Amino acid sequence: MNRIIVASPPTARPWLLLSILAAALAMTGSVITLLSQHLYDTLTATFLPQALAQDLVNLLFVSPAMILLALLALRGSSPAFVLWLGTLLFTAYNYVIYTIGIPFGPLFLPWVGVLALSIFALLGGAACINRDELLVTYRSRRAAQVSSWALIVVALMFAALWLSEDVPALLNGTTPQSLVDQGMITNPVHVLDLRFFLPAVLVIGAQWLRRNLRAATAAPSFLVFLFLTGLPILVTPVVQSVRGETAAWGVVVPIGSVTIVVVLLLAWLLRSMTIATPVRTDMGLAPRGSGAPGPQPARG
């Protein structure tokens, strides 16, 4: 069966162009911080290699990927558009941390600019899905089910991990050790995850299981986010080793395993992606025996 892909949304063009500007500004900031590490002089010994790893991943992978995917989406590739949304989600998330987690300095306004551009581009791009301009299906029922459950399991796993640190500290009236190590008054990762991202992942996964087609369209973006999240964590021990510090190689196996699984799921989904009409179908699946799905009755 030949794969048929619907073109990327025509109204997404301004948001795609906006994201290219955000990526260029992000790359500029990363170059400056990597060449002038005194900008991070106030960071703790634990936080500094994490920040440098994030800059390396932004410069060498995330921003170039966003630009490439935006250009492909401008040429009509809907898989590129869906993946592009994931790079925007990751960038917006991380530049919240840049703007409130890194002490005020010369790059504050550029970081705010990246945050604003990526948020507007993300919201504009997501609105294209809400207007039924881009809805995709997957020919493989198993790929859809496994991916939806993977999102739910990962979200619950991270929620449990963060709460296992926060709840005991609250009950004991103490400060979590991670805050002490990073020199922060609160953890922006925990705030973003517990308040926004993890609930969104749970909703997307659950709605996909309930055969919501928009959830099926947005789901790969969250898998892209999870993949990109693993990269700076895996690069951090390398940065620590290069700097002559004790490297935290213990994170490589668990985070590397999750990252590999996410990449495999993404590849599986993209191989089975096909066109869709703006109606609810079973798990976002194309009907059997047809390369393109026809209208399906909505299920109440």
Protein backbone atom coordinates (compact mmCIF):
# COMPACT_ATOMS: atom_id res chain seq x y z
CA MET A 1 0.00 0.00 0.00
CA ASN A 2 1.45 3.36 -0.97
CA ARG A 3 1.60 6.05 1.65
CA ILE A 4 -0.42 9.18 0.90
CA ILE A 5 0.38 12.33 2.84
CA VAL A 6 -1.80 15.40 3.08
CA ALA A 7 -0.03 18.69 2.41
CA SER A 8 0.93 20.91 5.31
CA PRO A 9 -1.63 23.62 6.20
CA PRO A 10 -1.51 26.60 3.81
CA THR A 11 -2.24 29.09 6.61
CA ALA A 12 0.80 27.88 8.57
CA ARG A 13 3.25 29.83 6.39
CA PRO A 14 3.64 32.91 8.69
CA TRP A 15 4.17 30.67 11.72
CA LEU A 16 6.76 28.58 9.89
CA LEU A 17 8.65 31.73 8.93
CA LEU A 18 8.37 33.04 12.49
CA SER A 19 9.92 29.84 13.81
CA ILE A 20 12.91 30.22 11.47
CA LEU A 21 13.55 33.62 13.03
CA ALA A 22 13.24 32.10 16.52
CA ALA A 23 15.71 29.35 15.64
CA ALA A 24 18.22 31.82 14.20
CA LEU A 25 18.00 33.97 17.34
CA ALA A 26 18.37 30.88 19.56
CA MET A 27 21.47 29.74 17.64
CA THR A 28 23.00 33.19 18.01
CA GLY A 29 22.46 33.14 21.76
CA SER A 30 23.91 29.63 22.08
CA VAL A 31 27.03 30.62 20.16
CA ILE A 32 27.53 33.61 22.46
CA THR A 33 27.17 31.56 25.66
CA LEU A 34 29.47 28.80 24.42
CA LEU A 35 32.17 31.27 23.34
CA SER A 36 31.76 33.50 26.40
CA GLN A 37 31.19 31.12 29.28
CA HIS A 38 31.62 33.94 31.79
CA LEU A 39 27.92 34.63 31.17
CA TYR A 40 27.28 31.52 33.25
CA ASP A 41 29.78 32.39 36.00
CA THR A 42 27.02 32.67 38.60
CA LEU A 43 25.68 29.16 37.94
CA THR A 44 26.46 26.38 40.39
CA ALA A 45 28.84 23.54 39.54
CA THR A 46 25.82 21.26 39.04
CA PHE A 47 23.80 23.65 36.87
CA LEU A 48 26.65 24.90 34.64
CA PRO A 49 27.29 21.68 32.63
CA GLN A 50 23.54 21.26 32.18
CA ALA A 51 23.27 24.75 30.72
CA LEU A 52 26.24 24.18 28.42
CA ALA A 53 24.80 20.85 27.26
CA GLN A 54 21.50 22.56 26.51
CA ASP A 55 23.29 25.23 24.47
CA LEU A 56 25.16 22.58 22.50
CA VAL A 57 21.99 20.66 21.71
CA ASN A 58 20.17 23.88 20.76
CA LEU A 59 22.98 24.97 18.47
CA LEU A 60 23.83 21.68 16.81
CA PHE A 61 20.49 19.90 16.65
CA VAL A 62 17.26 21.59 17.79
CA SER A 63 17.48 24.92 15.99
CA PRO A 64 18.86 23.45 12.72
CA ALA A 65 16.13 20.78 12.87
CA MET A 66 13.47 23.45 13.36
CA ILE A 67 14.72 25.40 10.37
CA LEU A 68 14.95 22.30 8.16
CA LEU A 69 11.50 21.05 9.16
CA ALA A 70 10.00 24.51 8.63
CA LEU A 71 11.48 24.68 5.13
CA LEU A 72 10.17 21.20 4.31
CA ALA A 73 6.73 22.14 5.66
CA LEU A 74 6.76 25.28 3.53
CA ARG A 75 7.26 22.94 0.56
CA GLY A 76 4.15 20.99 1.58
CA SER A 77 5.41 18.15 3.80
CA SER A 78 2.87 17.34 6.52
CA PRO A 79 5.19 14.91 8.39
CA ALA A 80 7.70 17.76 8.62
CA PHE A 81 4.96 20.06 9.90
CA VAL A 82 3.97 17.64 12.68
CA LEU A 83 7.60 17.15 13.74
CA TRP A 84 8.19 20.91 13.51
CA LEU A 85 5.49 21.46 16.13
CA GLY A 86 7.50 19.24 18.47
CA THR A 87 10.66 21.32 18.05
CA LEU A 88 8.64 24.46 18.80
CA LEU A 89 7.14 22.88 21.91
CA PHE A 90 10.60 21.95 23.14
CA THR A 91 12.02 25.41 22.39
CA ALA A 92 9.20 27.28 24.10
CA TYR A 93 9.52 25.00 27.15
CA ASN A 94 13.27 25.45 27.44
CA TYR A 95 13.31 29.18 26.93
CA VAL A 96 10.92 29.58 29.83
CA ILE A 97 13.75 28.01 31.85
CA TYR A 98 16.34 30.27 30.18
CA THR A 99 14.35 33.40 31.02
CA ILE A 100 13.50 32.56 34.64
CA GLY A 101 16.18 30.02 35.63
CA ILE A 102 19.33 31.76 34.39
CA PRO A 103 20.41 34.89 36.29
CA PHE A 104 19.67 38.17 34.52
CA GLY A 105 22.33 39.11 31.99
CA PRO A 106 23.11 40.41 28.48
CA LEU A 107 21.10 37.64 26.76
CA PHE A 108 17.91 38.15 28.73
CA LEU A 109 16.10 40.04 25.97
CA PRO A 110 17.21 37.68 23.16
CA TRP A 111 16.02 34.74 25.27
CA VAL A 112 12.68 36.49 25.84
CA GLY A 113 12.54 37.05 22.07
CA VAL A 114 13.06 33.34 21.35
CA LEU A 115 10.41 32.47 23.92
CA ALA A 116 7.87 34.89 22.43
CA LEU A 117 8.52 33.89 18.81
CA SER A 118 8.36 30.17 19.55
CA ILE A 119 5.16 30.47 21.60
CA PHE A 120 3.37 32.49 18.91
CA ALA A 121 4.57 30.10 16.19
CA LEU A 122 3.49 27.09 18.27
CA LEU A 123 0.04 28.50 18.96
CA GLY A 124 -0.42 29.51 15.33
CA GLY A 125 0.71 26.14 14.06
CA ALA A 126 -1.49 24.26 16.54
CA ALA A 127 -4.47 26.36 15.46
CA CYS A 128 -4.11 24.89 11.98
CA ILE A 129 -4.96 21.51 13.49
CA ASN A 130 -7.91 22.99 15.33
CA ARG A 131 -9.26 24.39 12.05
CA ASP A 132 -9.16 20.89 10.52
CA GLU A 133 -6.56 21.99 7.98
CA LEU A 134 -4.28 19.11 8.93
CA LEU A 135 -5.56 15.84 10.34
CA VAL A 136 -3.58 12.66 9.86
CA THR A 137 -4.31 8.99 10.43
CA TYR A 138 -2.16 5.90 10.95
CA ARG A 139 -2.68 2.66 9.09
CA SER A 140 -1.13 0.67 11.95
CA ARG A 141 -3.50 0.20 14.90
CA ARG A 142 -0.67 -1.19 17.00
CA ALA A 143 1.58 1.81 16.34
CA ALA A 144 -1.18 4.14 17.49
CA GLN A 145 -2.00 2.15 20.60
CA VAL A 146 1.60 1.57 21.68
CA SER A 147 2.48 5.24 21.14
CA SER A 148 -0.54 6.51 23.07
CA TRP A 149 0.23 4.22 26.01
CA ALA A 150 3.90 5.23 25.86
CA LEU A 151 2.91 8.88 26.27
CA ILE A 152 0.73 8.05 29.27
CA VAL A 153 3.36 5.86 30.95
CA VAL A 154 6.17 8.39 30.47
CA ALA A 155 4.00 11.22 31.80
CA LEU A 156 3.07 9.23 34.90
CA MET A 157 6.69 8.17 35.39
CA PHE A 158 8.02 11.73 35.38
CA ALA A 159 5.16 12.99 37.53
CA ALA A 160 5.96 10.31 40.12
CA LEU A 161 9.67 11.17 39.94
CA TRP A 162 9.15 14.89 40.54
CA LEU A 163 6.55 14.34 43.26
CA SER A 164 8.83 11.87 45.04
CA GLU A 165 11.23 14.77 45.52
CA ASP A 166 8.77 17.60 46.14
CA VAL A 167 6.22 15.97 48.47
CA PRO A 168 8.70 14.72 51.13
CA ALA A 169 10.39 18.13 51.15
CA LEU A 170 7.03 19.85 51.65
CA LEU A 171 6.05 17.48 54.44
CA ASN A 172 9.41 17.88 56.17
CA GLY A 173 9.62 21.64 55.64
CA THR A 174 12.94 21.31 53.82
CA THR A 175 14.32 22.32 50.41
CA PRO A 176 14.73 19.63 47.73
CA GLN A 177 18.38 18.78 47.18
CA SER A 178 18.13 19.54 43.46
CA LEU A 179 17.27 23.17 44.26
CA VAL A 180 20.25 23.41 46.60
CA ASP A 181 22.54 21.91 43.95
CA GLN A 182 21.29 24.23 41.20
CA GLY A 183 21.04 27.35 43.35
CA MET A 184 17.39 28.01 42.49
CA ILE A 185 14.50 29.18 44.64
CA THR A 186 12.11 26.85 42.81
CA ASN A 187 12.41 24.28 40.04
CA PRO A 188 11.02 25.57 36.72
CA VAL A 189 11.14 22.06 35.24
CA HIS A 190 8.82 20.75 37.95
CA VAL A 191 6.52 23.75 37.54
CA LEU A 192 6.28 23.35 33.77
CA ASP A 193 5.93 19.58 33.89
CA LEU A 194 3.42 19.27 36.71
CA ARG A 195 1.33 22.28 35.69
CA PHE A 196 1.40 22.10 31.90
CA PHE A 197 3.38 19.50 29.99
CA LEU A 198 2.65 16.23 31.79
CA PRO A 199 -1.11 16.90 32.03
CA ALA A 200 -1.08 17.74 28.31
CA VAL A 201 0.72 14.48 27.52
CA LEU A 202 -1.80 12.53 29.57
CA VAL A 203 -4.71 14.22 27.82
CA ILE A 204 -3.23 13.63 24.36
CA GLY A 205 -2.55 9.97 25.13
CA ALA A 206 -5.99 9.40 26.65
CA GLN A 207 -7.82 11.22 23.85
CA TRP A 208 -5.90 9.24 21.27
CA LEU A 209 -7.08 6.04 22.95
CA ARG A 210 -10.60 7.50 22.73
CA ARG A 211 -10.14 7.83 18.94
CA ASN A 212 -9.74 11.62 18.83
CA LEU A 213 -8.22 12.52 15.48
CA ARG A 214 -6.73 15.83 16.58
CA ALA A 215 -4.95 14.03 19.41
CA ALA A 216 -3.61 11.54 16.86
CA THR A 217 -2.29 14.46 14.81
CA ALA A 218 -0.63 16.22 17.76
CA ALA A 219 0.81 13.10 19.42
CA PRO A 220 4.04 12.87 17.34
CA SER A 221 4.89 16.41 18.43
CA PHE A 222 4.98 15.28 22.06
CA LEU A 223 7.15 12.32 21.13
CA VAL A 224 9.54 14.76 19.43
CA PHE A 225 9.58 16.78 22.64
CA LEU A 226 10.45 13.69 24.70
CA PHE A 227 13.24 12.78 22.27
CA LEU A 228 14.74 16.27 22.36
CA THR A 229 14.45 16.37 26.15
CA GLY A 230 16.70 13.33 26.41
CA LEU A 231 19.50 14.81 24.29
CA PRO A 232 20.86 17.48 26.70
CA ILE A 233 20.59 15.00 29.58
CA LEU A 234 22.75 12.56 27.62
CA VAL A 235 25.19 15.30 26.59
CA THR A 236 25.63 16.63 30.14
CA PRO A 237 28.00 13.81 31.29
CA VAL A 238 30.09 14.44 28.17
CA VAL A 239 30.37 18.13 29.07
CA GLN A 240 31.28 17.21 32.66
CA SER A 241 33.96 14.81 31.44
CA VAL A 242 35.46 17.38 29.04
CA ARG A 243 35.55 19.92 31.86
CA GLY A 244 37.41 17.44 34.08
CA GLU A 245 34.47 17.00 36.45
CA THR A 246 32.90 13.84 37.78
CA ALA A 247 30.54 12.74 35.02
CA ALA A 248 27.06 11.47 35.86
CA TRP A 249 27.15 8.51 33.47
CA GLY A 250 24.41 6.80 35.45
CA VAL A 251 21.72 8.70 33.53
CA VAL A 252 22.85 7.35 30.16
CA VAL A 253 21.18 3.93 30.38
CA PRO A 254 17.68 4.95 31.59
CA ILE A 255 17.41 8.19 29.61
CA GLY A 256 19.12 6.67 26.58
CA SER A 257 16.68 3.76 26.63
CA VAL A 258 13.65 6.05 26.76
CA THR A 259 15.10 8.20 23.97
CA ILE A 260 15.68 5.18 21.71
CA VAL A 261 12.15 3.90 22.33
CA VAL A 262 10.71 7.31 21.47
CA VAL A 263 12.70 7.46 18.21
CA LEU A 264 11.49 3.99 17.23
CA LEU A 265 7.88 4.96 17.96
CA LEU A 266 8.23 8.12 15.87
CA ALA A 267 9.63 6.16 12.95
CA TRP A 268 6.82 3.62 13.27
CA LEU A 269 4.16 6.35 13.27
CA LEU A 270 5.66 8.25 10.35
CA ARG A 271 5.79 5.08 8.24
CA SER A 272 2.09 4.49 8.80
CA MET A 273 0.94 8.10 8.47
CA THR A 274 -1.66 8.78 5.79
CA ILE A 275 -4.32 11.34 4.87
CA ALA A 276 -7.43 11.94 6.91
CA THR A 277 -10.74 13.70 6.66
CA PRO A 278 -11.76 16.02 9.54
CA VAL A 279 -13.85 13.42 11.36
CA ARG A 280 -13.21 11.05 14.22
CA THR A 281 -11.90 7.64 13.25
CA ASP A 282 -10.76 4.57 15.16
CA MET A 283 -7.47 5.54 16.86
CA GLY A 284 -6.78 7.89 13.93
CA LEU A 285 -6.53 4.85 11.63
CA ALA A 286 -7.12 4.71 7.92
CA PRO A 287 -9.81 2.20 6.88
CA ARG A 288 -8.55 -1.14 5.66
CA GLY A 289 -8.28 -1.73 1.98
CA SER A 290 -7.85 1.92 1.05
CA GLY A 291 -4.85 4.18 0.77
CA ALA A 292 -6.97 7.14 1.85
CA PRO A 293 -9.75 7.06 4.40
CA GLY A 294 -13.25 8.02 3.48
CA PRO A 295 -15.64 9.73 5.88
CA GLN A 296 -16.36 7.69 8.99
CA PRO A 297 -19.35 8.04 11.27
CA ALA A 298 -18.58 9.88 14.48
CA ARG A 299 -18.88 7.86 17.65
CA GLY A 300 -20.59 9.41 20.53
